[in-house]
């Protein structure tokens, strides 16, 4: 199973010198920790994907009722950033693991 993508928040900017002495601007990111909030399956949704959430504190009053129920069903805390990432099955895997809601991995 291959997942392409990264979820993070921008912390700021910095500068780095490269080997030839030039100065290059760089973006500083905080990537992760992320948990699986929902799993999209081919049987139910027509495609394979996982909805990932960036673990970050959110005040409960900032989350609407629909999203509160969504997070409660997955047994995870409310999050600001949610992103759906497609999952591609690779041919060379002998034993695969699939993500479950709540961030755990389960053997197939």
PDB file of N, CA and C in Angstrom:
ATOM      1  N   UNK A   1       0.842  -1.160   0.000  1.00  0.00           N
ATOM      2  CA  UNK A   1       0.000   0.000   0.000  1.00  0.00           C
ATOM      3  C   UNK A   1       0.893   1.231   0.000  1.00  0.00           C
ATOM      4  N   UNK A   2       0.664   2.101  -0.937  1.00  0.00           N
ATOM      5  CA  UNK A   2       1.466   3.308  -1.050  1.00  0.00           C
ATOM      6  C   UNK A   2       0.579   4.529  -0.863  1.00  0.00           C
ATOM      7  N   UNK A   3       1.018   5.438  -0.017  1.00  0.00           N
ATOM      8  CA  UNK A   3       0.295   6.673   0.221  1.00  0.00           C
ATOM      9  C   UNK A   3       1.214   7.822  -0.155  1.00  0.00           C
ATOM     10  N   UNK A   4       0.740   8.676  -1.048  1.00  0.00           N
ATOM     11  CA  UNK A   4       1.520   9.833  -1.466  1.00  0.00           C
ATOM     12  C   UNK A   4       0.922  11.079  -0.847  1.00  0.00           C
ATOM     13  N   UNK A   5       1.718  11.797  -0.090  1.00  0.00           N
ATOM     14  CA  UNK A   5       1.247  13.038   0.492  1.00  0.00           C
ATOM     15  C   UNK A   5       1.877  13.310   1.839  1.00  0.00           C
ATOM     16  N   UNK A   6       1.724  14.551   2.268  1.00  0.00           N
ATOM     17  CA  UNK A   6       2.230  14.967   3.566  1.00  0.00           C
ATOM     18  C   UNK A   6       1.261  16.012   4.102  1.00  0.00           C
ATOM     19  N   UNK A   7       1.004  15.961   5.381  1.00  0.00           N
ATOM     20  CA  UNK A   7       0.143  16.941   6.018  1.00  0.00           C
ATOM     21  C   UNK A   7       0.968  17.638   7.087  1.00  0.00           C
ATOM     22  N   UNK A   8       0.944  18.945   7.072  1.00  0.00           N
ATOM     23  CA  UNK A   8       1.696  19.700   8.054  1.00  0.00           C
ATOM     24  C   UNK A   8       1.242  21.141   8.086  1.00  0.00           C
ATOM     25  N   UNK A   9       1.839  21.903   8.982  1.00  0.00           N
ATOM     26  CA  UNK A   9       1.551  23.319   9.064  1.00  0.00           C
ATOM     27  C   UNK A   9       2.846  24.100   8.902  1.00  0.00           C
ATOM     28  N   UNK A  10       2.732  25.287   8.334  1.00  0.00           N
ATOM     29  CA  UNK A  10       3.901  26.131   8.107  1.00  0.00           C
ATOM     30  C   UNK A  10       4.258  26.842   9.404  1.00  0.00           C
ATOM     31  N   UNK A  11       5.508  26.683   9.821  1.00  0.00           N
ATOM     32  CA  UNK A  11       5.980  27.343  11.028  1.00  0.00           C
ATOM     33  C   UNK A  11       6.634  28.677  10.725  1.00  0.00           C
ATOM     34  N   UNK A  12       7.259  28.784   9.554  1.00  0.00           N
ATOM     35  CA  UNK A  12       7.932  30.026   9.205  1.00  0.00           C
ATOM     36  C   UNK A  12       8.901  29.834   8.058  1.00  0.00           C
ATOM     37  N   UNK A  13       9.796  30.799   7.921  1.00  0.00           N
ATOM     38  CA  UNK A  13      10.797  30.776   6.853  1.00  0.00           C
ATOM     39  C   UNK A  13      12.188  30.881   7.480  1.00  0.00           C
ATOM     40  N   UNK A  14      13.187  30.371   6.753  1.00  0.00           N
ATOM     41  CA  UNK A  14      14.577  30.487   7.175  1.00  0.00           C
ATOM     42  C   UNK A  14      15.452  30.536   5.935  1.00  0.00           C
ATOM     43  N   UNK A  15      16.748  30.698   6.115  1.00  0.00           N
ATOM     44  CA  UNK A  15      17.698  30.718   5.012  1.00  0.00           C
ATOM     45  C   UNK A  15      18.782  29.682   5.268  1.00  0.00           C
ATOM     46  N   UNK A  16      19.246  29.047   4.175  1.00  0.00           N
ATOM     47  CA  UNK A  16      20.260  28.003   4.275  1.00  0.00           C
ATOM     48  C   UNK A  16      21.324  28.266   3.215  1.00  0.00           C
ATOM     49  N   UNK A  17      22.603  28.118   3.595  1.00  0.00           N
ATOM     50  CA  UNK A  17      23.693  28.194   2.632  1.00  0.00           C
ATOM     51  C   UNK A  17      23.890  26.822   2.002  1.00  0.00           C
ATOM     52  N   UNK A  18      23.987  26.760   0.676  1.00  0.00           N
ATOM     53  CA  UNK A  18      24.276  25.507  -0.013  1.00  0.00           C
ATOM     54  C   UNK A  18      25.779  25.403  -0.231  1.00  0.00           C
ATOM     55  N   UNK A  19      26.254  24.275  -0.788  1.00  0.00           N
ATOM     56  CA  UNK A  19      27.684  23.999  -0.914  1.00  0.00           C
ATOM     57  C   UNK A  19      28.452  25.051  -1.703  1.00  0.00           C
ATOM     58  N   UNK A  20      27.816  25.633  -2.723  1.00  0.00           N
ATOM     59  CA  UNK A  20      28.538  26.616  -3.537  1.00  0.00           C
ATOM     60  C   UNK A  20      28.505  28.019  -2.939  1.00  0.00           C
ATOM     61  N   UNK A  21      27.916  28.196  -1.759  1.00  0.00           N
ATOM     62  CA  UNK A  21      27.942  29.473  -1.066  1.00  0.00           C
ATOM     63  C   UNK A  21      26.732  30.358  -1.298  1.00  0.00           C
ATOM     64  N   UNK A  22      25.794  29.928  -2.098  1.00  0.00           N
ATOM     65  CA  UNK A  22      24.610  30.750  -2.327  1.00  0.00           C
ATOM     66  C   UNK A  22      23.618  30.570  -1.180  1.00  0.00           C
ATOM     67  N   UNK A  23      22.828  31.588  -0.971  1.00  0.00           N
ATOM     68  CA  UNK A  23      21.843  31.592   0.088  1.00  0.00           C
ATOM     69  C   UNK A  23      20.477  31.264  -0.506  1.00  0.00           C
ATOM     70  N   UNK A  24      19.792  30.273   0.074  1.00  0.00           N
ATOM     71  CA  UNK A  24      18.508  29.821  -0.447  1.00  0.00           C
ATOM     72  C   UNK A  24      17.459  29.935   0.661  1.00  0.00           C
ATOM     73  N   UNK A  25      16.312  30.499   0.316  1.00  0.00           N
ATOM     74  CA  UNK A  25      15.216  30.591   1.274  1.00  0.00           C
ATOM     75  C   UNK A  25      14.494  29.253   1.397  1.00  0.00           C
ATOM     76  N   UNK A  26      14.094  28.878   2.613  1.00  0.00           N
ATOM     77  CA  UNK A  26      13.428  27.597   2.855  1.00  0.00           C
ATOM     78  C   UNK A  26      12.212  27.804   3.753  1.00  0.00           C
ATOM     79  N   UNK A  27      11.190  27.011   3.518  1.00  0.00           N
ATOM     80  CA  UNK A  27      10.000  27.005   4.354  1.00  0.00           C
ATOM     81  C   UNK A  27      10.163  25.936   5.427  1.00  0.00           C
ATOM     82  N   UNK A  28       9.836  26.274   6.664  1.00  0.00           N
ATOM     83  CA  UNK A  28       9.923  25.333   7.779  1.00  0.00           C
ATOM     84  C   UNK A  28       8.522  24.789   8.033  1.00  0.00           C
ATOM     85  N   UNK A  29       8.386  23.460   7.971  1.00  0.00           N
ATOM     86  CA  UNK A  29       7.107  22.794   8.168  1.00  0.00           C
ATOM     87  C   UNK A  29       7.146  21.893   9.382  1.00  0.00           C
ATOM     88  N   UNK A  30       5.998  21.751  10.029  1.00  0.00           N
ATOM     89  CA  UNK A  30       5.834  20.740  11.066  1.00  0.00           C
ATOM     90  C   UNK A  30       4.919  19.684  10.481  1.00  0.00           C
ATOM     91  N   UNK A  31       5.461  18.518  10.199  1.00  0.00           N
ATOM     92  CA  UNK A  31       4.693  17.429   9.595  1.00  0.00           C
ATOM     93  C   UNK A  31       4.389  16.383  10.642  1.00  0.00           C
ATOM     94  N   UNK A  32       3.104  16.167  10.886  1.00  0.00           N
ATOM     95  CA  UNK A  32       2.688  15.121  11.799  1.00  0.00           C
ATOM     96  C   UNK A  32       2.687  15.578  13.232  1.00  0.00           C
ATOM     97  N   UNK A  33       2.209  14.802  14.124  1.00  0.00           N
ATOM     98  CA  UNK A  33       1.685  13.455  13.943  1.00  0.00           C
ATOM     99  C   UNK A  33       0.292  13.479  13.299  1.00  0.00           C
ATOM    100  N   UNK A  34       0.032  12.464  12.499  1.00  0.00           N
ATOM    101  CA  UNK A  34      -1.244  12.340  11.804  1.00  0.00           C
ATOM    102  C   UNK A  34      -1.917  11.028  12.208  1.00  0.00           C
ATOM    103  N   UNK A  35      -3.254  11.033  12.218  1.00  0.00           N
ATOM    104  CA  UNK A  35      -4.022   9.833  12.514  1.00  0.00           C
ATOM    105  C   UNK A  35      -5.050   9.621  11.414  1.00  0.00           C
ATOM    106  N   UNK A  36      -5.455   8.383  11.226  1.00  0.00           N
ATOM    107  CA  UNK A  36      -6.492   8.047  10.262  1.00  0.00           C
ATOM    108  C   UNK A  36      -7.835   8.318  10.918  1.00  0.00           C
ATOM    109  N   UNK A  37      -8.620   9.198  10.304  1.00  0.00           N
ATOM    110  CA  UNK A  37      -9.930   9.547  10.838  1.00  0.00           C
ATOM    111  C   UNK A  37     -11.013   8.692  10.193  1.00  0.00           C
ATOM    112  N   UNK A  38     -10.875   8.436   8.882  1.00  0.00           N
ATOM    113  CA  UNK A  38     -11.870   7.633   8.180  1.00  0.00           C
ATOM    114  C   UNK A  38     -11.194   6.885   7.042  1.00  0.00           C
ATOM    115  N   UNK A  39     -11.686   5.696   6.753  1.00  0.00           N
ATOM    116  CA  UNK A  39     -11.168   4.878   5.654  1.00  0.00           C
ATOM    117  C   UNK A  39     -12.226   4.804   4.556  1.00  0.00           C
ATOM    118  N   UNK A  40     -11.859   5.157   3.341  1.00  0.00           N
ATOM    119  CA  UNK A  40     -12.750   5.041   2.191  1.00  0.00           C
ATOM    120  C   UNK A  40     -12.433   3.722   1.496  1.00  0.00           C
ATOM    121  N   UNK A  41     -13.459   2.902   1.241  1.00  0.00           N
ATOM    122  CA  UNK A  41     -13.242   1.605   0.622  1.00  0.00           C
ATOM    123  C   UNK A  41     -13.886   1.560  -0.751  1.00  0.00           C
ATOM    124  N   UNK A  42     -13.379   0.649  -1.562  1.00  0.00           N
ATOM    125  CA  UNK A  42     -13.891   0.502  -2.920  1.00  0.00           C
ATOM    126  C   UNK A  42     -15.356   0.043  -2.912  1.00  0.00           C
ATOM    127  N   UNK A  43     -15.724  -0.788  -1.947  1.00  0.00           N
ATOM    128  CA  UNK A  43     -17.092  -1.290  -1.866  1.00  0.00           C
ATOM    129  C   UNK A  43     -18.090  -0.174  -1.546  1.00  0.00           C
ATOM    130  N   UNK A  44     -17.747   0.692  -0.606  1.00  0.00           N
ATOM    131  CA  UNK A  44     -18.675   1.742  -0.174  1.00  0.00           C
ATOM    132  C   UNK A  44     -18.580   3.018  -0.996  1.00  0.00           C
ATOM    133  N   UNK A  45     -17.366   3.436  -1.349  1.00  0.00           N
ATOM    134  CA  UNK A  45     -17.163   4.748  -1.951  1.00  0.00           C
ATOM    135  C   UNK A  45     -16.684   4.707  -3.398  1.00  0.00           C
ATOM    136  N   UNK A  46     -16.268   3.525  -3.896  1.00  0.00           N
ATOM    137  CA  UNK A  46     -15.811   3.408  -5.271  1.00  0.00           C
ATOM    138  C   UNK A  46     -14.321   3.642  -5.462  1.00  0.00           C
ATOM    139  N   UNK A  47     -13.602   3.954  -4.389  1.00  0.00           N
ATOM    140  CA  UNK A  47     -12.155   4.164  -4.477  1.00  0.00           C
ATOM    141  C   UNK A  47     -11.540   3.899  -3.113  1.00  0.00           C
ATOM    142  N   UNK A  48     -10.232   3.692  -3.090  1.00  0.00           N
ATOM    143  CA  UNK A  48      -9.506   3.449  -1.849  1.00  0.00           C
ATOM    144  C   UNK A  48      -8.827   4.744  -1.410  1.00  0.00           C
ATOM    145  N   UNK A  49      -9.103   5.164  -0.182  1.00  0.00           N
ATOM    146  CA  UNK A  49      -8.480   6.376   0.354  1.00  0.00           C
ATOM    147  C   UNK A  49      -8.547   6.338   1.872  1.00  0.00           C
ATOM    148  N   UNK A  50      -7.753   7.193   2.479  1.00  0.00           N
ATOM    149  CA  UNK A  50      -7.774   7.358   3.927  1.00  0.00           C
ATOM    150  C   UNK A  50      -7.875   8.845   4.220  1.00  0.00           C
ATOM    151  N   UNK A  51      -8.743   9.206   5.144  1.00  0.00           N
ATOM    152  CA  UNK A  51      -8.843  10.599   5.566  1.00  0.00           C
ATOM    153  C   UNK A  51      -7.924  10.762   6.766  1.00  0.00           C
ATOM    154  N   UNK A  52      -6.898  11.584   6.606  1.00  0.00           N
ATOM    155  CA  UNK A  52      -5.907  11.810   7.649  1.00  0.00           C
ATOM    156  C   UNK A  52      -6.166  13.143   8.324  1.00  0.00           C
ATOM    157  N   UNK A  53      -5.888  13.198   9.607  1.00  0.00           N
ATOM    158  CA  UNK A  53      -6.038  14.432  10.360  1.00  0.00           C
ATOM    159  C   UNK A  53      -4.741  14.771  11.068  1.00  0.00           C
ATOM    160  N   UNK A  54      -4.366  16.043  11.018  1.00  0.00           N
ATOM    161  CA  UNK A  54      -3.175  16.520  11.707  1.00  0.00           C
ATOM    162  C   UNK A  54      -3.541  16.781  13.158  1.00  0.00           C
ATOM    163  N   UNK A  55      -2.867  16.098  14.079  1.00  0.00           N
ATOM    164  CA  UNK A  55      -3.169  16.223  15.506  1.00  0.00           C
ATOM    165  C   UNK A  55      -2.712  17.598  15.981  1.00  0.00           C
ATOM    166  N   UNK A  56      -3.708  18.415  16.321  1.00  0.00           N
ATOM    167  CA  UNK A  56      -3.456  19.776  16.767  1.00  0.00           C
ATOM    168  C   UNK A  56      -4.637  20.189  17.638  1.00  0.00           C
ATOM    169  N   UNK A  57      -4.390  20.882  18.732  1.00  0.00           N
ATOM    170  CA  UNK A  57      -5.464  21.225  19.660  1.00  0.00           C
ATOM    171  C   UNK A  57      -6.445  22.205  19.019  1.00  0.00           C
ATOM    172  N   UNK A  58      -7.738  21.891  19.169  1.00  0.00           N
ATOM    173  CA  UNK A  58      -8.820  22.757  18.703  1.00  0.00           C
ATOM    174  C   UNK A  58      -9.824  22.881  19.836  1.00  0.00           C
ATOM    175  N   UNK A  59     -10.279  24.095  20.099  1.00  0.00           N
ATOM    176  CA  UNK A  59     -11.313  24.287  21.114  1.00  0.00           C
ATOM    177  C   UNK A  59     -12.594  23.614  20.646  1.00  0.00           C
ATOM    178  N   UNK A  60     -13.265  22.873  21.510  1.00  0.00           N
ATOM    179  CA  UNK A  60     -14.488  22.170  21.102  1.00  0.00           C
ATOM    180  C   UNK A  60     -15.572  23.086  20.544  1.00  0.00           C
ATOM    181  N   UNK A  61     -15.640  24.317  21.007  1.00  0.00           N
ATOM    182  CA  UNK A  61     -16.677  25.215  20.508  1.00  0.00           C
ATOM    183  C   UNK A  61     -16.409  25.687  19.077  1.00  0.00           C
ATOM    184  N   UNK A  62     -15.213  25.470  18.574  1.00  0.00           N
ATOM    185  CA  UNK A  62     -14.860  25.852  17.203  1.00  0.00           C
ATOM    186  C   UNK A  62     -15.250  24.792  16.171  1.00  0.00           C
ATOM    187  N   UNK A  63     -15.732  23.640  16.639  1.00  0.00           N
ATOM    188  CA  UNK A  63     -16.081  22.534  15.749  1.00  0.00           C
ATOM    189  C   UNK A  63     -17.604  22.440  15.668  1.00  0.00           C
ATOM    190  N   UNK A  64     -18.153  22.398  14.434  1.00  0.00           N
ATOM    191  CA  UNK A  64     -19.608  22.319  14.293  1.00  0.00           C
ATOM    192  C   UNK A  64     -20.118  20.923  14.655  1.00  0.00           C
ATOM    193  N   UNK A  65     -21.446  20.778  14.751  1.00  0.00           N
ATOM    194  CA  UNK A  65     -22.034  19.524  15.211  1.00  0.00           C
ATOM    195  C   UNK A  65     -21.752  18.360  14.267  1.00  0.00           C
ATOM    196  N   UNK A  66     -21.766  18.623  12.968  1.00  0.00           N
ATOM    197  CA  UNK A  66     -21.512  17.554  12.002  1.00  0.00           C
ATOM    198  C   UNK A  66     -20.104  16.997  12.154  1.00  0.00           C
ATOM    199  N   UNK A  67     -19.113  17.867  12.269  1.00  0.00           N
ATOM    200  CA  UNK A  67     -17.735  17.402  12.414  1.00  0.00           C
ATOM    201  C   UNK A  67     -17.497  16.795  13.796  1.00  0.00           C
ATOM    202  N   UNK A  68     -18.199  17.279  14.831  1.00  0.00           N
ATOM    203  CA  UNK A  68     -18.087  16.678  16.157  1.00  0.00           C
ATOM    204  C   UNK A  68     -18.527  15.222  16.108  1.00  0.00           C
ATOM    205  N   UNK A  69     -19.631  14.946  15.409  1.00  0.00           N
ATOM    206  CA  UNK A  69     -20.092  13.566  15.253  1.00  0.00           C
ATOM    207  C   UNK A  69     -19.129  12.724  14.449  1.00  0.00           C
ATOM    208  N   UNK A  70     -18.513  13.328  13.421  1.00  0.00           N
ATOM    209  CA  UNK A  70     -17.533  12.626  12.585  1.00  0.00           C
ATOM    210  C   UNK A  70     -16.329  12.193  13.424  1.00  0.00           C
ATOM    211  N   UNK A  71     -15.810  13.095  14.254  1.00  0.00           N
ATOM    212  CA  UNK A  71     -14.662  12.776  15.104  1.00  0.00           C
ATOM    213  C   UNK A  71     -15.043  11.797  16.215  1.00  0.00           C
ATOM    214  N   UNK A  72     -16.262  11.936  16.752  1.00  0.00           N
ATOM    215  CA  UNK A  72     -16.701  11.041  17.819  1.00  0.00           C
ATOM    216  C   UNK A  72     -16.836   9.609  17.311  1.00  0.00           C
ATOM    217  N   UNK A  73     -17.327   9.441  16.089  1.00  0.00           N
ATOM    218  CA  UNK A  73     -17.463   8.115  15.486  1.00  0.00           C
ATOM    219  C   UNK A  73     -16.102   7.443  15.315  1.00  0.00           C
ATOM    220  N   UNK A  74     -15.076   8.235  15.001  1.00  0.00           N
ATOM    221  CA  UNK A  74     -13.726   7.705  14.813  1.00  0.00           C
ATOM    222  C   UNK A  74     -12.951   7.600  16.122  1.00  0.00           C
ATOM    223  N   UNK A  75     -13.523   8.075  17.223  1.00  0.00           N
ATOM    224  CA  UNK A  75     -12.874   8.061  18.545  1.00  0.00           C
ATOM    225  C   UNK A  75     -11.558   8.826  18.554  1.00  0.00           C
ATOM    226  N   UNK A  76     -11.558   9.999  17.910  1.00  0.00           N
ATOM    227  CA  UNK A  76     -10.374  10.856  17.907  1.00  0.00           C
ATOM    228  C   UNK A  76     -10.785  12.253  18.349  1.00  0.00           C
ATOM    229  N   UNK A  77      -9.807  13.036  18.783  1.00  0.00           N
ATOM    230  CA  UNK A  77     -10.067  14.416  19.189  1.00  0.00           C
ATOM    231  C   UNK A  77     -10.300  15.286  17.946  1.00  0.00           C
ATOM    232  N   UNK A  78     -11.036  16.389  18.085  1.00  0.00           N
ATOM    233  CA  UNK A  78     -11.242  17.286  16.939  1.00  0.00           C
ATOM    234  C   UNK A  78      -9.922  17.839  16.413  1.00  0.00           C
ATOM    235  N   UNK A  79      -9.860  18.038  15.099  1.00  0.00           N
ATOM    236  CA  UNK A  79      -8.650  18.516  14.434  1.00  0.00           C
ATOM    237  C   UNK A  79      -8.983  19.640  13.473  1.00  0.00           C
ATOM    238  N   UNK A  80      -8.014  20.523  13.239  1.00  0.00           N
ATOM    239  CA  UNK A  80      -8.203  21.621  12.294  1.00  0.00           C
ATOM    240  C   UNK A  80      -8.039  21.158  10.857  1.00  0.00           C
ATOM    241  N   UNK A  81      -7.018  20.343  10.612  1.00  0.00           N
ATOM    242  CA  UNK A  81      -6.642  19.979   9.247  1.00  0.00           C
ATOM    243  C   UNK A  81      -7.039  18.532   8.966  1.00  0.00           C
ATOM    244  N   UNK A  82      -7.892  18.335   7.953  1.00  0.00           N
ATOM    245  CA  UNK A  82      -8.254  17.012   7.462  1.00  0.00           C
ATOM    246  C   UNK A  82      -7.910  16.961   5.979  1.00  0.00           C
ATOM    247  N   UNK A  83      -7.331  15.850   5.546  1.00  0.00           N
ATOM    248  CA  UNK A  83      -6.964  15.693   4.148  1.00  0.00           C
ATOM    249  C   UNK A  83      -7.194  14.246   3.741  1.00  0.00           C
ATOM    250  N   UNK A  84      -7.792  14.067   2.585  1.00  0.00           N
ATOM    251  CA  UNK A  84      -8.012  12.720   2.069  1.00  0.00           C
ATOM    252  C   UNK A  84      -6.880  12.358   1.122  1.00  0.00           C
ATOM    253  N   UNK A  85      -6.289  11.184   1.337  1.00  0.00           N
ATOM    254  CA  UNK A  85      -5.149  10.735   0.534  1.00  0.00           C
ATOM    255  C   UNK A  85      -5.510   9.415  -0.121  1.00  0.00           C
ATOM    256  N   UNK A  86      -5.344   9.336  -1.442  1.00  0.00           N
ATOM    257  CA  UNK A  86      -5.626   8.091  -2.166  1.00  0.00           C
ATOM    258  C   UNK A  86      -4.612   7.033  -1.783  1.00  0.00           C
ATOM    259  N   UNK A  87      -5.062   5.787  -1.751  1.00  0.00           N
ATOM    260  CA  UNK A  87      -4.196   4.652  -1.437  1.00  0.00           C
ATOM    261  C   UNK A  87      -4.096   3.791  -2.680  1.00  0.00           C
ATOM    262  N   UNK A  88      -2.869   3.492  -3.077  1.00  0.00           N
ATOM    263  CA  UNK A  88      -2.625   2.645  -4.240  1.00  0.00           C
ATOM    264  C   UNK A  88      -2.050   1.328  -3.750  1.00  0.00           C
ATOM    265  N   UNK A  89      -2.649   0.239  -4.163  1.00  0.00           N
ATOM    266  CA  UNK A  89      -2.150  -1.080  -3.784  1.00  0.00           C
ATOM    267  C   UNK A  89      -0.930  -1.414  -4.644  1.00  0.00           C
ATOM    268  N   UNK A  90       0.160  -1.843  -4.009  1.00  0.00           N
ATOM    269  CA  UNK A  90       1.340  -2.238  -4.755  1.00  0.00           C
ATOM    270  C   UNK A  90       1.316  -3.747  -4.979  1.00  0.00           C
ATOM    271  N   UNK A  91       1.899  -4.188  -6.066  1.00  0.00           N
ATOM    272  CA  UNK A  91       1.859  -5.595  -6.459  1.00  0.00           C
ATOM    273  C   UNK A  91       2.800  -6.476  -5.638  1.00  0.00           C
ATOM    274  N   UNK A  92       3.891  -5.904  -5.098  1.00  0.00           N
ATOM    275  CA  UNK A  92       4.910  -6.719  -4.433  1.00  0.00           C
ATOM    276  C   UNK A  92       4.655  -6.931  -2.939  1.00  0.00           C
ATOM    277  N   UNK A  93       3.555  -6.455  -2.421  1.00  0.00           N
ATOM    278  CA  UNK A  93       3.272  -6.671  -1.003  1.00  0.00           C
ATOM    279  C   UNK A  93       2.772  -8.087  -0.766  1.00  0.00           C
ATOM    280  N   UNK A  94       3.363  -8.761   0.197  1.00  0.00           N
ATOM    281  CA  UNK A  94       2.895 -10.099   0.535  1.00  0.00           C
ATOM    282  C   UNK A  94       1.849 -10.042   1.639  1.00  0.00           C
ATOM    283  N   UNK A  95       2.083  -9.208   2.621  1.00  0.00           N
ATOM    284  CA  UNK A  95       1.119  -9.023   3.696  1.00  0.00           C
ATOM    285  C   UNK A  95       0.925  -7.522   3.877  1.00  0.00           C
ATOM    286  N   UNK A  96      -0.294  -7.075   3.769  1.00  0.00           N
ATOM    287  CA  UNK A  96      -0.530  -5.645   3.871  1.00  0.00           C
ATOM    288  C   UNK A  96      -1.263  -5.325   5.162  1.00  0.00           C
ATOM    289  N   UNK A  97      -1.143  -4.091   5.564  1.00  0.00           N
ATOM    290  CA  UNK A  97      -1.827  -3.606   6.750  1.00  0.00           C
ATOM    291  C   UNK A  97      -2.680  -2.437   6.320  1.00  0.00           C
ATOM    292  N   UNK A  98      -3.875  -2.356   6.866  1.00  0.00           N
ATOM    293  CA  UNK A  98      -4.745  -1.261   6.472  1.00  0.00           C
ATOM    294  C   UNK A  98      -5.036  -0.378   7.681  1.00  0.00           C
ATOM    295  N   UNK A  99      -5.105   0.941   7.460  1.00  0.00           N
ATOM    296  CA  UNK A  99      -5.387   1.830   8.583  1.00  0.00           C
ATOM    297  C   UNK A  99      -6.850   1.758   8.990  1.00  0.00           C
ATOM    298  N   UNK A 100      -7.102   1.861  10.276  1.00  0.00           N
ATOM    299  CA  UNK A 100      -8.461   1.922  10.810  1.00  0.00           C
ATOM    300  C   UNK A 100      -8.675   3.291  11.417  1.00  0.00           C
ATOM    301  N   UNK A 101      -9.934   3.642  11.578  1.00  0.00           N
ATOM    302  CA  UNK A 101     -10.242   4.901  12.240  1.00  0.00           C
ATOM    303  C   UNK A 101      -9.654   4.881  13.637  1.00  0.00           C
ATOM    304  N   UNK A 102      -9.052   5.965  14.044  1.00  0.00           N
ATOM    305  CA  UNK A 102      -8.415   6.045  15.349  1.00  0.00           C
ATOM    306  C   UNK A 102      -6.903   5.964  15.249  1.00  0.00           C
ATOM    307  N   UNK A 103      -6.364   5.719  14.033  1.00  0.00           N
ATOM    308  CA  UNK A 103      -4.922   5.730  13.829  1.00  0.00           C
ATOM    309  C   UNK A 103      -4.230   4.409  14.015  1.00  0.00           C
ATOM    310  N   UNK A 104      -4.973   3.309  14.220  1.00  0.00           N
ATOM    311  CA  UNK A 104      -4.352   2.004  14.427  1.00  0.00           C
ATOM    312  C   UNK A 104      -4.196   1.292  13.103  1.00  0.00           C
ATOM    313  N   UNK A 105      -3.263   0.345  13.031  1.00  0.00           N
ATOM    314  CA  UNK A 105      -3.085  -0.485  11.846  1.00  0.00           C
ATOM    315  C   UNK A 105      -3.605  -1.886  12.131  1.00  0.00           C
ATOM    316  N   UNK A 106      -4.231  -2.473  11.158  1.00  0.00           N
ATOM    317  CA  UNK A 106      -4.811  -3.806  11.323  1.00  0.00           C
ATOM    318  C   UNK A 106      -4.341  -4.691  10.174  1.00  0.00           C
ATOM    319  N   UNK A 107      -3.906  -5.924  10.490  1.00  0.00           N
ATOM    320  CA  UNK A 107      -3.505  -6.863   9.443  1.00  0.00           C
ATOM    321  C   UNK A 107      -4.733  -7.322   8.681  1.00  0.00           C
ATOM    322  N   UNK A 108      -4.553  -7.529   7.376  1.00  0.00           N
ATOM    323  CA  UNK A 108      -5.663  -8.013   6.555  1.00  0.00           C
ATOM    324  C   UNK A 108      -5.750  -9.499   6.618  1.00  0.00           C
TER     325      UNK A 108
END
